[in-house]
PDB file of N, CA and C in Angstrom:
ATOM      1  N   MET A   1      19.516   6.853 -39.212  1.00  0.00           N
ATOM      2  CA  MET A   1      20.194   6.250 -40.338  1.00  0.00           C
ATOM      3  C   MET A   1      20.468   7.286 -41.424  1.00  0.00           C
ATOM      4  N   ARG A   2      19.513   8.190 -41.614  1.00  0.00           N
ATOM      5  CA  ARG A   2      19.672   9.215 -42.633  1.00  0.00           C
ATOM      6  C   ARG A   2      20.830  10.154 -42.288  1.00  0.00           C
ATOM      7  N   VAL A   3      20.996  10.444 -40.998  1.00  0.00           N
ATOM      8  CA  VAL A   3      22.090  11.318 -40.565  1.00  0.00           C
ATOM      9  C   VAL A   3      23.431  10.663 -40.870  1.00  0.00           C
ATOM     10  N   ILE A   4      23.528   9.361 -40.641  1.00  0.00           N
ATOM     11  CA  ILE A   4      24.772   8.642 -40.932  1.00  0.00           C
ATOM     12  C   ILE A   4      25.060   8.675 -42.427  1.00  0.00           C
ATOM     13  N   SER A   5      24.032   8.492 -43.240  1.00  0.00           N
ATOM     14  CA  SER A   5      24.198   8.526 -44.691  1.00  0.00           C
ATOM     15  C   SER A   5      24.683   9.901 -45.158  1.00  0.00           C
ATOM     16  N   TYR A   6      24.073  10.954 -44.636  1.00  0.00           N
ATOM     17  CA  TYR A   6      24.496  12.303 -45.015  1.00  0.00           C
ATOM     18  C   TYR A   6      25.918  12.586 -44.547  1.00  0.00           C
ATOM     19  N   THR A   7      26.256  12.129 -43.355  1.00  0.00           N
ATOM     20  CA  THR A   7      27.605  12.351 -42.826  1.00  0.00           C
ATOM     21  C   THR A   7      28.647  11.663 -43.705  1.00  0.00           C
ATOM     22  N   ILE A   8      28.387  10.428 -44.077  1.00  0.00           N
ATOM     23  CA  ILE A   8      29.327   9.703 -44.944  1.00  0.00           C
ATOM     24  C   ILE A   8      29.433  10.386 -46.300  1.00  0.00           C
ATOM     25  N   SER A   9      28.318  10.870 -46.840  1.00  0.00           N
ATOM     26  CA  SER A   9      28.341  11.561 -48.130  1.00  0.00           C
ATOM     27  C   SER A   9      29.175  12.837 -48.056  1.00  0.00           C
ATOM     28  N   VAL A  10      29.015  13.592 -46.995  1.00  0.00           N
ATOM     29  CA  VAL A  10      29.780  14.836 -46.833  1.00  0.00           C
ATOM     30  C   VAL A  10      31.268  14.517 -46.702  1.00  0.00           C
ATOM     31  N   ILE A  11      31.606  13.493 -45.933  1.00  0.00           N
ATOM     32  CA  ILE A  11      33.016  13.118 -45.775  1.00  0.00           C
ATOM     33  C   ILE A  11      33.608  12.699 -47.116  1.00  0.00           C
ATOM     34  N   LEU A  12      32.870  11.915 -47.908  1.00  0.00           N
ATOM     35  CA  LEU A  12      33.361  11.510 -49.234  1.00  0.00           C
ATOM     36  C   LEU A  12      33.541  12.713 -50.152  1.00  0.00           C
ATOM     37  N   MET A  13      32.586  13.644 -50.128  1.00  0.00           N
ATOM     38  CA  MET A  13      32.721  14.838 -50.979  1.00  0.00           C
ATOM     39  C   MET A  13      33.932  15.671 -50.573  1.00  0.00           C
ATOM     40  N   ILE A  14      34.151  15.825 -49.279  1.00  0.00           N
ATOM     41  CA  ILE A  14      35.325  16.583 -48.820  1.00  0.00           C
ATOM     42  C   ILE A  14      36.599  15.874 -49.271  1.00  0.00           C
ATOM     43  N   GLY A  15      36.617  14.544 -49.163  1.00  0.00           N
ATOM     44  CA  GLY A  15      37.777  13.779 -49.622  1.00  0.00           C
ATOM     45  C   GLY A  15      38.028  13.956 -51.107  1.00  0.00           C
ATOM     46  N   LEU A  16      36.961  13.943 -51.917  1.00  0.00           N
ATOM     47  CA  LEU A  16      37.118  14.145 -53.360  1.00  0.00           C
ATOM     48  C   LEU A  16      37.629  15.539 -53.691  1.00  0.00           C
ATOM     49  N   VAL A  17      37.164  16.539 -52.967  1.00  0.00           N
ATOM     50  CA  VAL A  17      37.653  17.913 -53.192  1.00  0.00           C
ATOM     51  C   VAL A  17      39.131  18.003 -52.829  1.00  0.00           C
ATOM     52  N   ILE A  18      39.534  17.368 -51.738  1.00  0.00           N
ATOM     53  CA  ILE A  18      40.950  17.383 -51.340  1.00  0.00           C
ATOM     54  C   ILE A  18      41.808  16.710 -52.401  1.00  0.00           C
ATOM     55  N   VAL A  19      41.356  15.561 -52.932  1.00  0.00           N
ATOM     56  CA  VAL A  19      42.094  14.871 -53.995  1.00  0.00           C
ATOM     57  C   VAL A  19      42.184  15.758 -55.233  1.00  0.00           C
ATOM     58  N   ALA A  20      41.086  16.431 -55.573  1.00  0.00           N
ATOM     59  CA  ALA A  20      41.085  17.293 -56.756  1.00  0.00           C
ATOM     60  C   ALA A  20      42.050  18.464 -56.600  1.00  0.00           C
ATOM     61  N   VAL A  21      42.065  19.068 -55.440  1.00  0.00           N
ATOM     62  CA  VAL A  21      42.958  20.222 -55.219  1.00  0.00           C
ATOM     63  C   VAL A  21      44.414  19.771 -55.199  1.00  0.00           C
ATOM     64  N   ALA A  22      44.686  18.600 -54.642  1.00  0.00           N
ATOM     65  CA  ALA A  22      46.064  18.121 -54.535  1.00  0.00           C
ATOM     66  C   ALA A  22      46.609  17.629 -55.875  1.00  0.00           C
ATOM     67  N   ASN A  23      45.744  17.294 -56.836  1.00  0.00           N
ATOM     68  CA  ASN A  23      46.192  16.728 -58.106  1.00  0.00           C
ATOM     69  C   ASN A  23      45.714  17.561 -59.289  1.00  0.00           C
ATOM     70  N   ARG A  24      46.029  18.846 -59.266  1.00  0.00           N
ATOM     71  CA  ARG A  24      45.583  19.736 -60.337  1.00  0.00           C
ATOM     72  C   ARG A  24      46.542  19.777 -61.522  1.00  0.00           C
ATOM     73  N   GLN A  25      47.748  19.282 -61.384  1.00  0.00           N
ATOM     74  CA  GLN A  25      48.735  19.377 -62.459  1.00  0.00           C
ATOM     75  C   GLN A  25      48.262  18.592 -63.683  1.00  0.00           C
ATOM     76  N   PRO A  26      48.513  19.143 -64.860  1.00  0.00           N
ATOM     77  CA  PRO A  26      48.058  18.457 -66.082  1.00  0.00           C
ATOM     78  C   PRO A  26      48.945  17.254 -66.417  1.00  0.00           C
ATOM     79  N   VAL A  27      48.306  16.239 -66.955  1.00  0.00           N
ATOM     80  CA  VAL A  27      49.023  15.063 -67.448  1.00  0.00           C
ATOM     81  C   VAL A  27      48.577  14.837 -68.887  1.00  0.00           C
ATOM     82  N   ILE A  28      49.432  14.186 -69.657  1.00  0.00           N
ATOM     83  CA  ILE A  28      49.115  13.911 -71.054  1.00  0.00           C
ATOM     84  C   ILE A  28      48.675  12.459 -71.165  1.00  0.00           C
ATOM     85  N   LEU A  29      47.490  12.256 -71.692  1.00  0.00           N
ATOM     86  CA  LEU A  29      46.973  10.913 -71.922  1.00  0.00           C
ATOM     87  C   LEU A  29      47.103  10.595 -73.398  1.00  0.00           C
ATOM     88  N   ASN A  30      47.776   9.494 -73.696  1.00  0.00           N
ATOM     89  CA  ASN A  30      47.854   9.006 -75.060  1.00  0.00           C
ATOM     90  C   ASN A  30      46.723   8.009 -75.241  1.00  0.00           C
ATOM     91  N   LEU A  31      45.810   8.296 -76.125  1.00  0.00           N
ATOM     92  CA  LEU A  31      44.677   7.413 -76.333  1.00  0.00           C
ATOM     93  C   LEU A  31      45.017   6.241 -77.250  1.00  0.00           C
ATOM     94  N   VAL A  32      46.160   6.303 -77.923  1.00  0.00           N
ATOM     95  CA  VAL A  32      46.644   5.225 -78.777  1.00  0.00           C
ATOM     96  C   VAL A  32      48.086   4.947 -78.353  1.00  0.00           C
ATOM     97  N   PRO A  33      48.466   3.673 -78.139  1.00  0.00           N
ATOM     98  CA  PRO A  33      49.848   3.367 -77.760  1.00  0.00           C
ATOM     99  C   PRO A  33      50.845   3.866 -78.809  1.00  0.00           C
ATOM    100  N   GLU A  34      52.095   4.135 -78.385  1.00  0.00           N
ATOM    101  CA  GLU A  34      53.090   4.715 -79.281  1.00  0.00           C
ATOM    102  C   GLU A  34      53.387   3.816 -80.478  1.00  0.00           C
ATOM    103  N   GLY A  35      53.515   2.521 -80.280  1.00  0.00           N
ATOM    104  CA  GLY A  35      53.804   1.612 -81.383  1.00  0.00           C
ATOM    105  C   GLY A  35      52.665   1.585 -82.394  1.00  0.00           C
ATOM    106  N   LEU A  36      51.466   1.689 -81.932  1.00  0.00           N
ATOM    107  CA  LEU A  36      50.302   1.667 -82.800  1.00  0.00           C
ATOM    108  C   LEU A  36      50.063   3.029 -83.459  1.00  0.00           C
ATOM    109  N   SER A  37      50.532   4.083 -82.818  1.00  0.00           N
ATOM    110  CA  SER A  37      50.309   5.422 -83.374  1.00  0.00           C
ATOM    111  C   SER A  37      51.095   5.632 -84.668  1.00  0.00           C
ATOM    112  N   GLU A  38      52.178   4.875 -84.856  1.00  0.00           N
ATOM    113  CA  GLU A  38      52.935   4.990 -86.104  1.00  0.00           C
ATOM    114  C   GLU A  38      52.163   4.379 -87.273  1.00  0.00           C
ATOM    115  N   LEU A  39      51.340   3.383 -86.993  1.00  0.00           N
ATOM    116  CA  LEU A  39      50.565   2.729 -88.039  1.00  0.00           C
ATOM    117  C   LEU A  39      49.284   3.487 -88.377  1.00  0.00           C
ATOM    118  N   LEU A  40      48.780   4.222 -87.430  1.00  0.00           N
ATOM    119  CA  LEU A  40      47.522   4.954 -87.638  1.00  0.00           C
ATOM    120  C   LEU A  40      47.809   6.389 -88.059  1.00  0.00           C
ATOM    121  N   PRO A  41      46.933   6.978 -88.847  1.00  0.00           N
ATOM    122  CA  PRO A  41      47.163   8.354 -89.284  1.00  0.00           C
ATOM    123  C   PRO A  41      46.919   9.377 -88.187  1.00  0.00           C
ATOM    124  N   TYR A  42      46.367   8.964 -87.086  1.00  0.00           N
ATOM    125  CA  TYR A  42      46.085   9.901 -86.006  1.00  0.00           C
ATOM    126  C   TYR A  42      46.598   9.315 -84.697  1.00  0.00           C
ATOM    127  N   ALA A  43      47.099  10.167 -83.866  1.00  0.00           N
ATOM    128  CA  ALA A  43      47.546   9.772 -82.532  1.00  0.00           C
ATOM    129  C   ALA A  43      47.009  10.819 -81.567  1.00  0.00           C
ATOM    130  N   TYR A  44      45.960  10.473 -80.872  1.00  0.00           N
ATOM    131  CA  TYR A  44      45.327  11.438 -79.980  1.00  0.00           C
ATOM    132  C   TYR A  44      46.072  11.541 -78.671  1.00  0.00           C
ATOM    133  N   GLU A  45      46.361  12.762 -78.289  1.00  0.00           N
ATOM    134  CA  GLU A  45      46.926  13.069 -76.983  1.00  0.00           C
ATOM    135  C   GLU A  45      46.034  14.123 -76.352  1.00  0.00           C
ATOM    136  N   VAL A  46      45.719  13.898 -75.097  1.00  0.00           N
ATOM    137  CA  VAL A  46      44.854  14.824 -74.380  1.00  0.00           C
ATOM    138  C   VAL A  46      45.573  15.253 -73.121  1.00  0.00           C
ATOM    139  N   SER A  47      45.549  16.539 -72.854  1.00  0.00           N
ATOM    140  CA  SER A  47      46.129  17.062 -71.621  1.00  0.00           C
ATOM    141  C   SER A  47      44.981  17.424 -70.678  1.00  0.00           C
ATOM    142  N   VAL A  48      44.906  16.700 -69.565  1.00  0.00           N
ATOM    143  CA  VAL A  48      43.843  16.928 -68.586  1.00  0.00           C
ATOM    144  C   VAL A  48      44.454  16.936 -67.189  1.00  0.00           C
ATOM    145  N   PRO A  49      43.769  17.567 -66.241  1.00  0.00           N
ATOM    146  CA  PRO A  49      44.254  17.503 -64.860  1.00  0.00           C
ATOM    147  C   PRO A  49      44.201  16.071 -64.328  1.00  0.00           C
ATOM    148  N   LEU A  50      45.152  15.737 -63.461  1.00  0.00           N
ATOM    149  CA  LEU A  50      45.269  14.378 -62.940  1.00  0.00           C
ATOM    150  C   LEU A  50      44.036  13.941 -62.166  1.00  0.00           C
ATOM    151  N   PHE A  51      43.381  14.872 -61.440  1.00  0.00           N
ATOM    152  CA  PHE A  51      42.218  14.466 -60.646  1.00  0.00           C
ATOM    153  C   PHE A  51      41.069  14.004 -61.534  1.00  0.00           C
ATOM    154  N   ILE A  52      40.989  14.519 -62.769  1.00  0.00           N
ATOM    155  CA  ILE A  52      39.944  14.061 -63.680  1.00  0.00           C
ATOM    156  C   ILE A  52      40.222  12.610 -64.089  1.00  0.00           C
ATOM    157  N   VAL A  53      41.485  12.292 -64.317  1.00  0.00           N
ATOM    158  CA  VAL A  53      41.852  10.917 -64.656  1.00  0.00           C
ATOM    159  C   VAL A  53      41.511   9.987 -63.490  1.00  0.00           C
ATOM    160  N   ILE A  54      41.822  10.410 -62.275  1.00  0.00           N
ATOM    161  CA  ILE A  54      41.543   9.591 -61.094  1.00  0.00           C
ATOM    162  C   ILE A  54      40.042   9.391 -60.930  1.00  0.00           C
ATOM    163  N   LEU A  55      39.271  10.473 -60.991  1.00  0.00           N
ATOM    164  CA  LEU A  55      37.825  10.377 -60.788  1.00  0.00           C
ATOM    165  C   LEU A  55      37.147   9.589 -61.903  1.00  0.00           C
ATOM    166  N   LEU A  56      37.600   9.763 -63.150  1.00  0.00           N
ATOM    167  CA  LEU A  56      37.035   8.974 -64.245  1.00  0.00           C
ATOM    168  C   LEU A  56      37.346   7.485 -64.074  1.00  0.00           C
ATOM    169  N   GLY A  57      38.553   7.190 -63.608  1.00  0.00           N
ATOM    170  CA  GLY A  57      38.911   5.791 -63.348  1.00  0.00           C
ATOM    171  C   GLY A  57      38.031   5.172 -62.275  1.00  0.00           C
ATOM    172  N   VAL A  58      37.763   5.918 -61.213  1.00  0.00           N
ATOM    173  CA  VAL A  58      36.890   5.433 -60.147  1.00  0.00           C
ATOM    174  C   VAL A  58      35.472   5.239 -60.681  1.00  0.00           C
ATOM    175  N   MET A  59      34.965   6.203 -61.453  1.00  0.00           N
ATOM    176  CA  MET A  59      33.597   6.100 -61.982  1.00  0.00           C
ATOM    177  C   MET A  59      33.458   4.939 -62.957  1.00  0.00           C
ATOM    178  N   VAL A  60      34.447   4.745 -63.815  1.00  0.00           N
ATOM    179  CA  VAL A  60      34.390   3.619 -64.758  1.00  0.00           C
ATOM    180  C   VAL A  60      34.447   2.294 -64.000  1.00  0.00           C
ATOM    181  N   GLY A  61      35.277   2.226 -62.976  1.00  0.00           N
ATOM    182  CA  GLY A  61      35.346   1.013 -62.158  1.00  0.00           C
ATOM    183  C   GLY A  61      34.030   0.723 -61.454  1.00  0.00           C
ATOM    184  N   LEU A  62      33.400   1.753 -60.905  1.00  0.00           N
ATOM    185  CA  LEU A  62      32.094   1.567 -60.268  1.00  0.00           C
ATOM    186  C   LEU A  62      31.049   1.118 -61.276  1.00  0.00           C
ATOM    187  N   LEU A  63      31.052   1.736 -62.449  1.00  0.00           N
ATOM    188  CA  LEU A  63      30.078   1.372 -63.475  1.00  0.00           C
ATOM    189  C   LEU A  63      30.251  -0.086 -63.909  1.00  0.00           C
ATOM    190  N   ILE A  64      31.491  -0.496 -64.125  1.00  0.00           N
ATOM    191  CA  ILE A  64      31.762  -1.894 -64.493  1.00  0.00           C
ATOM    192  C   ILE A  64      31.320  -2.825 -63.366  1.00  0.00           C
ATOM    193  N   GLY A  65      31.575  -2.450 -62.123  1.00  0.00           N
ATOM    194  CA  GLY A  65      31.160  -3.266 -60.986  1.00  0.00           C
ATOM    195  C   GLY A  65      29.651  -3.390 -60.884  1.00  0.00           C
ATOM    196  N   PHE A  66      28.926  -2.290 -61.087  1.00  0.00           N
ATOM    197  CA  PHE A  66      27.464  -2.329 -61.021  1.00  0.00           C
ATOM    198  C   PHE A  66      26.890  -3.206 -62.119  1.00  0.00           C
ATOM    199  N   VAL A  67      27.408  -3.067 -63.335  1.00  0.00           N
ATOM    200  CA  VAL A  67      26.916  -3.879 -64.453  1.00  0.00           C
ATOM    201  C   VAL A  67      27.235  -5.351 -64.202  1.00  0.00           C
ATOM    202  N   TRP A  68      28.432  -5.636 -63.749  1.00  0.00           N
ATOM    203  CA  TRP A  68      28.835  -7.009 -63.459  1.00  0.00           C
ATOM    204  C   TRP A  68      27.914  -7.621 -62.408  1.00  0.00           C
ATOM    205  N   GLU A  69      27.629  -6.882 -61.339  1.00  0.00           N
ATOM    206  CA  GLU A  69      26.771  -7.386 -60.269  1.00  0.00           C
ATOM    207  C   GLU A  69      25.337  -7.574 -60.754  1.00  0.00           C
ATOM    208  N   TYR A  70      24.848  -6.678 -61.596  1.00  0.00           N
ATOM    209  CA  TYR A  70      23.498  -6.808 -62.146  1.00  0.00           C
ATOM    210  C   TYR A  70      23.384  -8.090 -62.976  1.00  0.00           C
ATOM    211  N   ILE A  71      24.390  -8.347 -63.793  1.00  0.00           N
ATOM    212  CA  ILE A  71      24.386  -9.561 -64.612  1.00  0.00           C
ATOM    213  C   ILE A  71      24.517 -10.800 -63.732  1.00  0.00           C
ATOM    214  N   ARG A  72      25.345 -10.733 -62.704  1.00  0.00           N
ATOM    215  CA  ARG A  72      25.562 -11.878 -61.828  1.00  0.00           C
ATOM    216  C   ARG A  72      24.291 -12.246 -61.063  1.00  0.00           C
ATOM    217  N   GLU A  73      23.514 -11.264 -60.661  1.00  0.00           N
ATOM    218  CA  GLU A  73      22.311 -11.518 -59.870  1.00  0.00           C
ATOM    219  C   GLU A  73      21.083 -11.799 -60.733  1.00  0.00           C
ATOM    220  N   PHE A  74      21.234 -11.873 -62.031  1.00  0.00           N
ATOM    221  CA  PHE A  74      20.086 -12.081 -62.910  1.00  0.00           C
ATOM    222  C   PHE A  74      19.373 -13.394 -62.593  1.00  0.00           C
ATOM    223  N   ARG A  75      20.136 -14.451 -62.376  1.00  0.00           N
ATOM    224  CA  ARG A  75      19.526 -15.760 -62.087  1.00  0.00           C
ATOM    225  C   ARG A  75      18.722 -15.728 -60.791  1.00  0.00           C
ATOM    226  N   GLU A  76      19.260 -15.059 -59.764  1.00  0.00           N
ATOM    227  CA  GLU A  76      18.537 -14.975 -58.494  1.00  0.00           C
ATOM    228  C   GLU A  76      17.238 -14.198 -58.646  1.00  0.00           C
ATOM    229  N   ARG A  77      17.278 -13.104 -59.410  1.00  0.00           N
ATOM    230  CA  ARG A  77      16.054 -12.316 -59.615  1.00  0.00           C
ATOM    231  C   ARG A  77      15.034 -13.117 -60.406  1.00  0.00           C
ATOM    232  N   ALA A  78      15.476 -13.865 -61.405  1.00  0.00           N
ATOM    233  CA  ALA A  78      14.554 -14.678 -62.197  1.00  0.00           C
ATOM    234  C   ALA A  78      13.940 -15.777 -61.332  1.00  0.00           C
ATOM    235  N   ALA A  79      14.735 -16.412 -60.483  1.00  0.00           N
ATOM    236  CA  ALA A  79      14.209 -17.459 -59.604  1.00  0.00           C
ATOM    237  C   ALA A  79      13.211 -16.877 -58.611  1.00  0.00           C
ATOM    238  N   ALA A  80      13.492 -15.701 -58.093  1.00  0.00           N
ATOM    239  CA  ALA A  80      12.560 -15.059 -57.163  1.00  0.00           C
ATOM    240  C   ALA A  80      11.250 -14.725 -57.854  1.00  0.00           C
ATOM    241  N   LYS A  81      11.318 -14.277 -59.087  1.00  0.00           N
ATOM    242  CA  LYS A  81      10.099 -13.956 -59.830  1.00  0.00           C
ATOM    243  C   LYS A  81       9.281 -15.216 -60.095  1.00  0.00           C
ATOM    244  N   ARG A  82       9.960 -16.323 -60.459  1.00  0.00           N
ATOM    245  CA  ARG A  82       9.242 -17.590 -60.662  1.00  0.00           C
ATOM    246  C   ARG A  82       8.578 -18.052 -59.371  1.00  0.00           C
ATOM    247  N   THR A  83       9.290 -17.945 -58.262  1.00  0.00           N
ATOM    248  CA  THR A  83       8.735 -18.346 -56.970  1.00  0.00           C
ATOM    249  C   THR A  83       7.529 -17.487 -56.608  1.00  0.00           C
ATOM    250  N   GLU A  84       7.615 -16.197 -56.875  1.00  0.00           N
ATOM    251  CA  GLU A  84       6.496 -15.300 -56.587  1.00  0.00           C
ATOM    252  C   GLU A  84       5.267 -15.670 -57.421  1.00  0.00           C
ATOM    253  N   ARG A  85       5.475 -15.984 -58.683  1.00  0.00           N
ATOM    254  CA  ARG A  85       4.349 -16.407 -59.529  1.00  0.00           C
ATOM    255  C   ARG A  85       3.738 -17.705 -59.018  1.00  0.00           C
ATOM    256  N   GLU A  86       4.577 -18.637 -58.584  1.00  0.00           N
ATOM    257  CA  GLU A  86       4.085 -19.909 -58.058  1.00  0.00           C
ATOM    258  C   GLU A  86       3.287 -19.691 -56.770  1.00  0.00           C
ATOM    259  N   VAL A  87       3.759 -18.827 -55.907  1.00  0.00           N
ATOM    260  CA  VAL A  87       3.043 -18.532 -54.663  1.00  0.00           C
ATOM    261  C   VAL A  87       1.680 -17.923 -54.970  1.00  0.00           C
ATOM    262  N   LYS A  88       1.624 -17.000 -55.917  1.00  0.00           N
ATOM    263  CA  LYS A  88       0.338 -16.397 -56.291  1.00  0.00           C
ATOM    264  C   LYS A  88      -0.612 -17.455 -56.846  1.00  0.00           C
ATOM    265  N   ARG A  89      -0.091 -18.358 -57.689  1.00  0.00           N
ATOM    266  CA  ARG A  89      -0.917 -19.412 -58.257  1.00  0.00           C
ATOM    267  C   ARG A  89      -1.449 -20.331 -57.163  1.00  0.00           C
ATOM    268  N   LEU A  90      -0.608 -20.681 -56.206  1.00  0.00           N
ATOM    269  CA  LEU A  90      -1.037 -21.568 -55.122  1.00  0.00           C
ATOM    270  C   LEU A  90      -2.053 -20.884 -54.208  1.00  0.00           C
ATOM    271  N   ARG A  91      -1.897 -19.594 -53.967  1.00  0.00           N
ATOM    272  CA  ARG A  91      -2.881 -18.865 -53.156  1.00  0.00           C
ATOM    273  C   ARG A  91      -4.239 -18.849 -53.844  1.00  0.00           C
ATOM    274  N   ARG A  92      -4.230 -18.617 -55.163  1.00  0.00           N
ATOM    275  CA  ARG A  92      -5.503 -18.645 -55.892  1.00  0.00           C
ATOM    276  C   ARG A  92      -6.134 -20.029 -55.810  1.00  0.00           C
ATOM    277  N   GLU A  93      -5.315 -21.073 -55.891  1.00  0.00           N
ATOM    278  CA  GLU A  93      -5.836 -22.427 -55.817  1.00  0.00           C
ATOM    279  C   GLU A  93      -6.408 -22.716 -54.436  1.00  0.00           C
ATOM    280  N   VAL A  94      -5.742 -22.257 -53.383  1.00  0.00           N
ATOM    281  CA  VAL A  94      -6.251 -22.445 -52.023  1.00  0.00           C
ATOM    282  C   VAL A  94      -7.583 -21.726 -51.859  1.00  0.00           C
ATOM    283  N   GLN A  95      -7.665 -20.494 -52.362  1.00  0.00           N
ATOM    284  CA  GLN A  95      -8.932 -19.762 -52.272  1.00  0.00           C
ATOM    285  C   GLN A  95     -10.037 -20.493 -53.033  1.00  0.00           C
ATOM    286  N   ARG A  96      -9.727 -21.025 -54.179  1.00  0.00           N
ATOM    287  CA  ARG A  96     -10.725 -21.758 -54.962  1.00  0.00           C
ATOM    288  C   ARG A  96     -11.178 -23.006 -54.208  1.00  0.00           C
ATOM    289  N   LEU A  97     -10.246 -23.736 -53.634  1.00  0.00           N
ATOM    290  CA  LEU A  97     -10.598 -24.943 -52.884  1.00  0.00           C
ATOM    291  C   LEU A  97     -11.411 -24.608 -51.646  1.00  0.00           C
ATOM    292  N   ARG A  98     -11.077 -23.543 -50.972  1.00  0.00           N
ATOM    293  CA  ARG A  98     -11.857 -23.126 -49.804  1.00  0.00           C
ATOM    294  C   ARG A  98     -13.275 -22.763 -50.209  1.00  0.00           C
ATOM    295  N   ALA A  99     -13.402 -22.113 -51.357  1.00  0.00           N
ATOM    296  CA  ALA A  99     -14.747 -21.747 -51.827  1.00  0.00           C
ATOM    297  C   ALA A  99     -15.550 -22.999 -52.166  1.00  0.00           C
ATOM    298  N   GLU A 100     -14.900 -23.999 -52.726  1.00  0.00           N
ATOM    299  CA  GLU A 100     -15.599 -25.247 -53.060  1.00  0.00           C
ATOM    300  C   GLU A 100     -16.018 -26.006 -51.814  1.00  0.00           C
ATOM    301  N   LEU A 101     -15.166 -26.040 -50.803  1.00  0.00           N
ATOM    302  CA  LEU A 101     -15.456 -26.801 -49.596  1.00  0.00           C
ATOM    303  C   LEU A 101     -16.361 -26.048 -48.631  1.00  0.00           C
ATOM    304  N   GLY A 102     -16.410 -24.777 -48.773  1.00  0.00           N
ATOM    305  CA  GLY A 102     -17.209 -23.949 -47.873  1.00  0.00           C
ATOM    306  C   GLY A 102     -16.314 -23.302 -46.833  1.00  0.00           C
ATOM    307  N   GLU A 103     -16.470 -22.023 -46.694  1.00  0.00           N
ATOM    308  CA  GLU A 103     -15.585 -21.298 -45.787  1.00  0.00           C
ATOM    309  C   GLU A 103     -16.000 -21.422 -44.330  1.00  0.00           C
ATOM    310  N   GLU A 104     -17.221 -21.879 -44.042  1.00  0.00           N
ATOM    311  CA  GLU A 104     -17.642 -21.973 -42.656  1.00  0.00           C
ATOM    312  C   GLU A 104     -16.962 -23.131 -41.940  1.00  0.00           C
ATOM    313  N   GLN A 105     -16.402 -24.087 -42.676  1.00  0.00           N
ATOM    314  CA  GLN A 105     -15.737 -25.218 -42.044  1.00  0.00           C
ATOM    315  C   GLN A 105     -14.335 -24.836 -41.605  1.00  0.00           C
ATOM    316  N   ASP A 106     -13.907 -25.473 -40.559  1.00  0.00           N
ATOM    317  CA  ASP A 106     -12.552 -25.311 -40.075  1.00  0.00           C
ATOM    318  C   ASP A 106     -11.617 -26.088 -41.004  1.00  0.00           C
ATOM    319  N   ASP A 107     -10.375 -25.647 -41.141  1.00  0.00           N
ATOM    320  CA  ASP A 107      -9.422 -26.322 -42.030  1.00  0.00           C
ATOM    321  C   ASP A 107      -9.183 -27.769 -41.600  1.00  0.00           C
ATOM    322  N   ILE A 108      -9.077 -28.009 -40.311  1.00  0.00           N
ATOM    323  CA  ILE A 108      -8.825 -29.362 -39.803  1.00  0.00           C
ATOM    324  C   ILE A 108     -10.040 -30.253 -40.112  1.00  0.00           C
ATOM    325  N   LEU A 109     -11.233 -29.727 -39.860  1.00  0.00           N
ATOM    326  CA  LEU A 109     -12.430 -30.511 -40.134  1.00  0.00           C
ATOM    327  C   LEU A 109     -12.572 -30.800 -41.619  1.00  0.00           C
ATOM    328  N   ALA A 110     -12.203 -29.844 -42.448  1.00  0.00           N
ATOM    329  CA  ALA A 110     -12.265 -30.053 -43.889  1.00  0.00           C
ATOM    330  C   ALA A 110     -11.295 -31.148 -44.326  1.00  0.00           C
ATOM    331  N   LEU A 111     -10.170 -31.252 -43.673  1.00  0.00           N
ATOM    332  CA  LEU A 111      -9.203 -32.286 -44.006  1.00  0.00           C
ATOM    333  C   LEU A 111      -9.705 -33.670 -43.567  1.00  0.00           C
ATOM    334  N   ILE A 112     -10.395 -33.722 -42.435  1.00  0.00           N
ATOM    335  CA  ILE A 112     -10.892 -35.005 -41.927  1.00  0.00           C
ATOM    336  C   ILE A 112     -11.971 -35.546 -42.862  1.00  0.00           C
ATOM    337  N   GLU A 113     -12.820 -34.692 -43.362  1.00  0.00           N
ATOM    338  CA  GLU A 113     -13.914 -35.127 -44.239  1.00  0.00           C
ATOM    339  C   GLU A 113     -13.364 -35.403 -45.566  1.00  0.00           C
TER     340      GLU A 113
END
């Protein structure tokens, strides 16, 4: 399994390098829309290589997806934690009851009595 993981990682890295080399030309990013830039005293323009824009877009999308999924699964994690606490409480109760009834008795015999 580890070999498959490393192989996929290497293939992805090679793909990212190919995308970076193929998209080296600079592009101008306007951080404020043109209509709004007339109202504001500053209009930021940044010239960066296109592959940086692509990779940043992918990273921001992944980050938003991870945060969204973490928030979505919050209820399931909370329910699992409650269930785990309940199981621990019930195990302690079973141990206490077994100690009261005596551990040398069989469970079936203890139920009959």
